C-alpha atoms as a PDB file:
ATOM      1  CA  MET A   1     -12.453 -14.644 -26.660  1.00  0.00           C
ATOM      2  CA  SER A   2     -15.677 -13.312 -27.512  1.00  0.00           C
ATOM      3  CA  ALA A   3     -16.595 -11.514 -30.352  1.00  0.00           C
ATOM      4  CA  ILE A   4     -17.954  -7.773 -30.383  1.00  0.00           C
ATOM      5  CA  ALA A   5     -20.061  -8.287 -33.375  1.00  0.00           C
ATOM      6  CA  GLN A   6     -21.274 -10.275 -36.179  1.00  0.00           C
ATOM      7  CA  THR A   7     -19.760  -7.791 -39.114  1.00  0.00           C
ATOM      8  CA  MET A   8     -17.053  -9.561 -41.149  1.00  0.00           C
ATOM      9  CA  TYR A   9     -14.261  -7.396 -41.156  1.00  0.00           C
ATOM     10  CA  SER A  10     -10.896  -7.308 -43.670  1.00  0.00           C
ATOM     11  CA  GLU A  11      -7.256  -7.562 -41.967  1.00  0.00           C
ATOM     12  CA  ASP A  12      -6.615  -4.077 -43.296  1.00  0.00           C
ATOM     13  CA  ASP A  13     -10.132  -2.948 -41.566  1.00  0.00           C
ATOM     14  CA  TYR A  14      -8.617  -4.741 -38.327  1.00  0.00           C
ATOM     15  CA  LEU A  15      -5.691  -2.942 -38.605  1.00  0.00           C
ATOM     16  CA  LEU A  16      -7.189   0.661 -38.875  1.00  0.00           C
ATOM     17  CA  LEU A  17      -9.191  -0.172 -35.986  1.00  0.00           C
ATOM     18  CA  GLU A  18      -6.691  -1.491 -33.652  1.00  0.00           C
ATOM     19  CA  ALA A  19      -4.615   1.643 -34.631  1.00  0.00           C
ATOM     20  CA  LYS A  20      -7.205   3.764 -32.952  1.00  0.00           C
ATOM     21  CA  ALA A  21      -8.233   1.466 -29.953  1.00  0.00           C
ATOM     22  CA  SER A  22      -7.750   1.718 -26.467  1.00  0.00           C
ATOM     23  CA  TYR A  23      -8.019  -1.577 -26.043  1.00  0.00           C
ATOM     24  CA  LYS A  24      -6.326  -4.576 -27.242  1.00  0.00           C
ATOM     25  CA  SER A  25      -8.174  -7.192 -30.235  1.00  0.00           C
ATOM     26  CA  GLU A  26      -7.446  -9.812 -31.780  1.00  0.00           C
ATOM     27  CA  TYR A  27      -8.751 -10.805 -35.671  1.00  0.00           C
ATOM     28  CA  PHE A  28      -9.229 -13.950 -37.207  1.00  0.00           C
ATOM     29  CA  ARG A  29     -10.891 -14.843 -40.557  1.00  0.00           C
ATOM     30  CA  GLY A  30     -12.827 -11.741 -40.580  1.00  0.00           C
ATOM     31  CA  GLU A  31     -13.803 -11.356 -37.027  1.00  0.00           C
ATOM     32  CA  ILE A  32     -12.684  -9.216 -34.317  1.00  0.00           C
ATOM     33  CA  PHE A  33     -12.367 -10.438 -30.853  1.00  0.00           C
ATOM     34  CA  MET A  34     -11.664  -8.163 -27.680  1.00  0.00           C
ATOM     35  CA  MET A  35      -9.084  -9.367 -25.262  1.00  0.00           C
ATOM     36  CA  ALA A  36      -9.451  -9.431 -21.559  1.00  0.00           C
ATOM     37  CA  GLY A  37      -7.482  -7.791 -18.852  1.00  0.00           C
ATOM     38  CA  GLY A  38      -5.097  -9.557 -17.616  1.00  0.00           C
ATOM     39  CA  THR A  39      -5.692 -10.237 -13.420  1.00  0.00           C
ATOM     40  CA  PRO A  40      -2.803  -9.124 -10.642  1.00  0.00           C
ATOM     41  CA  ASN A  41      -1.449 -12.563 -10.593  1.00  0.00           C
ATOM     42  CA  HIS A  42      -1.657 -12.606 -14.476  1.00  0.00           C
ATOM     43  CA  ASN A  43       0.317  -9.641 -14.854  1.00  0.00           C
ATOM     44  CA  ARG A  44       2.884 -10.123 -12.105  1.00  0.00           C
ATOM     45  CA  ILE A  45       3.577 -13.631 -13.545  1.00  0.00           C
ATOM     46  CA  LYS A  46       3.989 -11.611 -16.895  1.00  0.00           C
ATOM     47  CA  GLU A  47       6.603  -9.700 -15.816  1.00  0.00           C
ATOM     48  CA  ASN A  48       8.651 -12.002 -14.149  1.00  0.00           C
ATOM     49  CA  LEU A  49       8.784 -14.033 -16.821  1.00  0.00           C
ATOM     50  CA  SER A  50       9.894 -10.927 -19.107  1.00  0.00           C
ATOM     51  CA  VAL A  51      12.413 -10.564 -16.272  1.00  0.00           C
ATOM     52  CA  GLU A  52      13.834 -13.955 -15.771  1.00  0.00           C
ATOM     53  CA  ILE A  53      13.809 -14.524 -19.789  1.00  0.00           C
ATOM     54  CA  GLY A  54      15.091 -11.129 -20.491  1.00  0.00           C
ATOM     55  CA  MET A  55      18.029 -12.014 -18.328  1.00  0.00           C
ATOM     56  CA  LEU A  56      18.398 -15.009 -20.166  1.00  0.00           C
ATOM     57  CA  LEU A  57      18.661 -14.195 -23.636  1.00  0.00           C
ATOM     58  CA  LYS A  58      21.480 -11.322 -22.525  1.00  0.00           C
ATOM     59  CA  LYS A  59      24.304 -14.106 -23.081  1.00  0.00           C
ATOM     60  CA  ARG A  60      22.196 -15.033 -26.338  1.00  0.00           C
ATOM     61  CA  SER A  61      22.276 -12.190 -28.793  1.00  0.00           C
ATOM     62  CA  SER A  62      20.902 -13.539 -31.619  1.00  0.00           C
ATOM     63  CA  CYS A  63      17.215 -13.905 -29.702  1.00  0.00           C
ATOM     64  CA  ARG A  64      15.163 -10.973 -27.898  1.00  0.00           C
ATOM     65  CA  SER A  65      11.536 -11.264 -26.403  1.00  0.00           C
ATOM     66  CA  TYR A  66       8.929  -9.088 -26.199  1.00  0.00           C
ATOM     67  CA  SER A  67       6.339  -8.290 -24.285  1.00  0.00           C
ATOM     68  CA  SER A  68       2.010  -8.913 -24.990  1.00  0.00           C
ATOM     69  CA  ASP A  69       2.430  -5.415 -26.744  1.00  0.00           C
ATOM     70  CA  ARG A  70       3.763  -6.915 -29.442  1.00  0.00           C
ATOM     71  CA  ARG A  71       1.427  -8.194 -32.043  1.00  0.00           C
ATOM     72  CA  ILE A  72       2.268 -11.053 -34.066  1.00  0.00           C
ATOM     73  CA  TYR A  73       0.566 -12.533 -37.323  1.00  0.00           C
ATOM     74  CA  ILE A  74      -0.081 -15.960 -38.869  1.00  0.00           C
ATOM     75  CA  PRO A  75      -0.570 -15.646 -42.378  1.00  0.00           C
ATOM     76  CA  GLU A  76      -1.600 -19.440 -43.220  1.00  0.00           C
ATOM     77  CA  ASN A  77      -4.688 -18.917 -40.689  1.00  0.00           C
ATOM     78  CA  SER A  78      -5.223 -15.081 -40.344  1.00  0.00           C
ATOM     79  CA  LEU A  79      -4.486 -14.861 -36.768  1.00  0.00           C
ATOM     80  CA  TYR A  80      -3.498 -11.367 -35.356  1.00  0.00           C
ATOM     81  CA  THR A  81      -3.222 -11.965 -31.397  1.00  0.00           C
ATOM     82  CA  TYR A  82      -0.920 -10.562 -28.742  1.00  0.00           C
ATOM     83  CA  PRO A  83       0.839 -13.479 -26.538  1.00  0.00           C
ATOM     84  CA  ASP A  84       1.676 -12.894 -23.199  1.00  0.00           C
ATOM     85  CA  LEU A  85       5.776 -13.483 -24.203  1.00  0.00           C
ATOM     86  CA  VAL A  86       7.278 -13.768 -27.745  1.00  0.00           C
ATOM     87  CA  VAL A  87      11.041 -14.911 -28.466  1.00  0.00           C
ATOM     88  CA  VAL A  88      12.465 -14.545 -31.946  1.00  0.00           C
ATOM     89  CA  CYS A  89      15.860 -16.107 -32.195  1.00  0.00           C
ATOM     90  CA  ASN A  90      16.423 -14.812 -36.131  1.00  0.00           C
ATOM     91  CA  PRO A  91      16.316 -11.485 -37.696  1.00  0.00           C
ATOM     92  CA  ASN A  92      12.763 -10.404 -36.928  1.00  0.00           C
ATOM     93  CA  LYS A  93      10.249 -11.239 -40.197  1.00  0.00           C
ATOM     94  CA  TYR A  94       6.795  -9.151 -40.672  1.00  0.00           C
ATOM     95  CA  SER A  95       3.694  -9.158 -41.903  1.00  0.00           C
ATOM     96  CA  GLU A  96       3.481  -6.891 -45.562  1.00  0.00           C
ATOM     97  CA  ARG A  97       0.217  -5.506 -44.085  1.00  0.00           C
ATOM     98  CA  ASP A  98       1.561  -4.814 -40.649  1.00  0.00           C
ATOM     99  CA  LYS A  99       4.941  -3.977 -40.220  1.00  0.00           C
ATOM    100  CA  ASN A 100       4.612  -4.348 -36.098  1.00  0.00           C
ATOM    101  CA  ALA A 101       3.145  -7.657 -36.713  1.00  0.00           C
ATOM    102  CA  ILE A 102       6.269 -10.358 -36.253  1.00  0.00           C
ATOM    103  CA  THR A 103       5.464 -13.349 -38.325  1.00  0.00           C
ATOM    104  CA  ASN A 104       8.341 -15.708 -36.977  1.00  0.00           C
ATOM    105  CA  PRO A 105       8.495 -16.253 -33.380  1.00  0.00           C
ATOM    106  CA  THR A 106      10.450 -19.064 -31.959  1.00  0.00           C
ATOM    107  CA  VAL A 107       8.585 -19.253 -28.785  1.00  0.00           C
ATOM    108  CA  ILE A 108       5.088 -18.268 -27.533  1.00  0.00           C
ATOM    109  CA  VAL A 109       4.667 -17.918 -23.777  1.00  0.00           C
ATOM    110  CA  GLU A 110       0.507 -17.795 -22.200  1.00  0.00           C
ATOM    111  CA  VAL A 111      -0.005 -16.455 -19.010  1.00  0.00           C
ATOM    112  CA  ILE A 112      -3.554 -18.751 -18.891  1.00  0.00           C
ATOM    113  CA  SER A 113      -6.463 -17.587 -16.291  1.00  0.00           C
ATOM    114  CA  GLU A 114      -9.921 -19.520 -15.674  1.00  0.00           C
ATOM    115  CA  SER A 115     -11.546 -17.788 -18.480  1.00  0.00           C
ATOM    116  CA  SER A 116      -8.522 -18.071 -21.076  1.00  0.00           C
ATOM    117  CA  ALA A 117      -7.578 -21.741 -20.327  1.00  0.00           C
ATOM    118  CA  ALA A 118      -9.197 -23.643 -22.955  1.00  0.00           C
ATOM    119  CA  TYR A 119      -8.801 -20.932 -25.471  1.00  0.00           C
ATOM    120  CA  ASP A 120      -4.889 -20.890 -25.288  1.00  0.00           C
ATOM    121  CA  ARG A 121      -4.473 -25.025 -24.478  1.00  0.00           C
ATOM    122  CA  GLY A 122      -7.090 -25.690 -27.456  1.00  0.00           C
ATOM    123  CA  ASP A 123      -7.801 -23.688 -30.509  1.00  0.00           C
ATOM    124  CA  LYS A 124      -4.946 -21.097 -30.181  1.00  0.00           C
ATOM    125  CA  PHE A 125      -2.201 -23.471 -29.572  1.00  0.00           C
ATOM    126  CA  ARG A 126      -3.847 -25.200 -32.505  1.00  0.00           C
ATOM    127  CA  LEU A 127      -3.301 -22.036 -34.546  1.00  0.00           C
ATOM    128  CA  TYR A 128       0.272 -21.370 -33.553  1.00  0.00           C
ATOM    129  CA  ARG A 129       0.998 -24.616 -34.315  1.00  0.00           C
ATOM    130  CA  ASP A 130       0.794 -23.431 -38.066  1.00  0.00           C
ATOM    131  CA  ILE A 131       3.565 -20.794 -37.140  1.00  0.00           C
ATOM    132  CA  LYS A 132       6.755 -22.627 -39.044  1.00  0.00           C
ATOM    133  CA  THR A 133       9.124 -21.009 -37.080  1.00  0.00           C
ATOM    134  CA  LEU A 134       7.492 -21.742 -33.514  1.00  0.00           C
ATOM    135  CA  GLN A 135       9.640 -24.526 -31.654  1.00  0.00           C
ATOM    136  CA  GLU A 136       8.274 -24.246 -28.204  1.00  0.00           C
ATOM    137  CA  TYR A 137       4.874 -23.275 -26.538  1.00  0.00           C
ATOM    138  CA  VAL A 138       4.466 -22.323 -23.114  1.00  0.00           C
ATOM    139  CA  ILE A 139       2.176 -22.289 -20.529  1.00  0.00           C
ATOM    140  CA  VAL A 140       1.629 -21.105 -17.186  1.00  0.00           C
ATOM    141  CA  ASN A 141      -1.246 -21.001 -15.127  1.00  0.00           C
ATOM    142  CA  SER A 142      -2.243 -17.936 -12.874  1.00  0.00           C
ATOM    143  CA  LEU A 143      -4.492 -19.796 -10.494  1.00  0.00           C
ATOM    144  CA  ASN A 144      -2.119 -22.451  -9.319  1.00  0.00           C
ATOM    145  CA  VAL A 145       1.063 -23.443  -9.629  1.00  0.00           C
ATOM    146  CA  GLY A 146       2.208 -25.034 -12.858  1.00  0.00           C
ATOM    147  CA  ALA A 147       3.698 -24.598 -16.021  1.00  0.00           C
ATOM    148  CA  GLU A 148       4.117 -26.622 -19.246  1.00  0.00           C
ATOM    149  CA  VAL A 149       6.366 -26.582 -22.305  1.00  0.00           C
ATOM    150  CA  TYR A 150       5.144 -27.993 -25.496  1.00  0.00           C
ATOM    151  CA  CYS A 151       8.302 -28.929 -28.374  1.00  0.00           C
ATOM    152  CA  ARG A 152       8.208 -29.660 -31.804  1.00  0.00           C
ATOM    153  CA  THR A 153       9.456 -32.481 -32.906  1.00  0.00           C
ATOM    154  CA  ASP A 154      11.871 -33.081 -35.370  1.00  0.00           C
ATOM    155  CA  ASP A 155       8.802 -34.806 -37.709  1.00  0.00           C
ATOM    156  CA  GLY A 156       6.211 -31.907 -36.805  1.00  0.00           C
ATOM    157  CA  HIS A 157       4.447 -33.407 -34.187  1.00  0.00           C
ATOM    158  CA  TRP A 158       4.364 -31.703 -30.619  1.00  0.00           C
ATOM    159  CA  LEU A 159       4.989 -33.271 -27.063  1.00  0.00           C
ATOM    160  CA  LEU A 160       5.027 -31.980 -23.514  1.00  0.00           C
ATOM    161  CA  ALA A 161       8.567 -31.598 -23.033  1.00  0.00           C
ATOM    162  CA  SER A 162       9.029 -30.075 -19.379  1.00  0.00           C
ATOM    163  CA  ASP A 163       6.239 -29.315 -16.706  1.00  0.00           C
ATOM    164  CA  ALA A 164       6.579 -28.656 -13.155  1.00  0.00           C
ATOM    165  CA  TYR A 165       3.901 -27.578 -10.342  1.00  0.00           C
ATOM    166  CA  LYS A 166       6.178 -27.201  -7.332  1.00  0.00           C
ATOM    167  CA  LEU A 167       7.721 -23.978  -6.807  1.00  0.00           C
ATOM    168  CA  THR A 168      10.995 -25.393  -5.835  1.00  0.00           C
ATOM    169  CA  ASP A 169      10.631 -27.374  -9.241  1.00  0.00           C
ATOM    170  CA  SER A 170      11.619 -25.719 -12.671  1.00  0.00           C
ATOM    171  CA  ILE A 171      10.847 -26.093 -16.636  1.00  0.00           C
ATOM    172  CA  TYR A 172      13.562 -26.143 -19.215  1.00  0.00           C
ATOM    173  CA  ILE A 173      12.804 -23.867 -22.721  1.00  0.00           C
ATOM    174  CA  GLN A 174      15.627 -26.178 -24.689  1.00  0.00           C
ATOM    175  CA  SER A 175      15.750 -23.692 -27.610  1.00  0.00           C
ATOM    176  CA  LEU A 176      16.611 -20.869 -25.331  1.00  0.00           C
ATOM    177  CA  GLU A 177      18.568 -23.731 -23.496  1.00  0.00           C
ATOM    178  CA  ALA A 178      17.466 -22.276 -20.167  1.00  0.00           C
ATOM    179  CA  SER A 179      15.800 -23.628 -17.039  1.00  0.00           C
ATOM    180  CA  LEU A 180      13.149 -21.429 -15.188  1.00  0.00           C
ATOM    181  CA  LEU A 181      12.401 -22.141 -11.560  1.00  0.00           C
ATOM    182  CA  LEU A 182       8.585 -21.671 -10.469  1.00  0.00           C
ATOM    183  CA  SER A 183       9.607 -19.582  -7.426  1.00  0.00           C
ATOM    184  CA  ASP A 184      10.689 -16.757  -9.476  1.00  0.00           C
ATOM    185  CA  LEU A 185       7.873 -16.961 -11.789  1.00  0.00           C
ATOM    186  CA  TYR A 186       5.340 -16.465  -9.130  1.00  0.00           C
ATOM    187  CA  LEU A 187       7.026 -13.826  -7.008  1.00  0.00           C
ATOM    188  CA  GLY A 188       4.782 -11.548  -6.023  1.00  0.00           C
ATOM    189  CA  THR A 189       1.755 -13.309  -6.366  1.00  0.00           C
ATOM    190  CA  GLU A 190      -1.219 -14.014  -3.899  1.00  0.00           C
ATOM    191  CA  ASN A 191      -3.310 -17.053  -2.916  1.00  0.00           C
ATOM    192  CA  VAL A 192      -1.786 -19.619  -5.704  1.00  0.00           C
ATOM    193  CA  LEU A 193      -2.323 -23.123  -4.688  1.00  0.00           C
ATOM    194  CA  GLU A 194       0.915 -25.617  -5.119  1.00  0.00           C
ATOM    195  CA  GLY A 195       0.405 -29.105  -6.628  1.00  0.00           C
ATOM    196  CA  LEU A 196      -2.200 -29.129  -8.539  1.00  0.00           C
ATOM    197  CA  THR A 197      -2.447 -30.043 -12.131  1.00  0.00           C
ATOM    198  CA  MET A 198      -3.266 -27.754 -14.942  1.00  0.00           C
ATOM    199  CA  PRO A 199      -6.929 -27.081 -16.143  1.00  0.00           C
ATOM    200  CA  GLU A 200      -8.082 -28.906 -19.544  1.00  0.00           C
ATOM    201  CA  GLU A 201      -9.473 -27.842 -22.541  1.00  0.00           C
END
């Protein structure tokens, strides 16, 4: 992400500006960062994820999924952002300042691109780890076939619990007791390469 200005804003300033804006922005420690638009592959994968996870959650009435229009807030570090997909498996909790921002996601999914990979795998993942309710973080690559699931252990550490790099393989999201076949996630995408590893931070 890149700052749109050096001016420092309060959370209330950000929420007022965001309500009027025609594009989404993140907020972190007084700065506002405009979020880049997604590529066709990014959007296709995001839609596929919404369909596949939505179908799985029909059997789990305690869990709900939300697309990238749903803002989340992390009180511990002040981040407001819009993950590509969020799953909540308890009653929704909201920010006191922003009744549209969820504070208790169980699973967060990000679809990464060349420009966002380092941030989504690095700083953003570290900020997400401050969410006490978060159990799993899923990364799906929009350039090459590949997906990873990171899981919080009982002692609070994060480990790579599941990964796949072929269309015939699946990833497993433990908190949802769900397997996702990569060929379903990449359905309708164009020019994605199979068998390559994920980009590093």
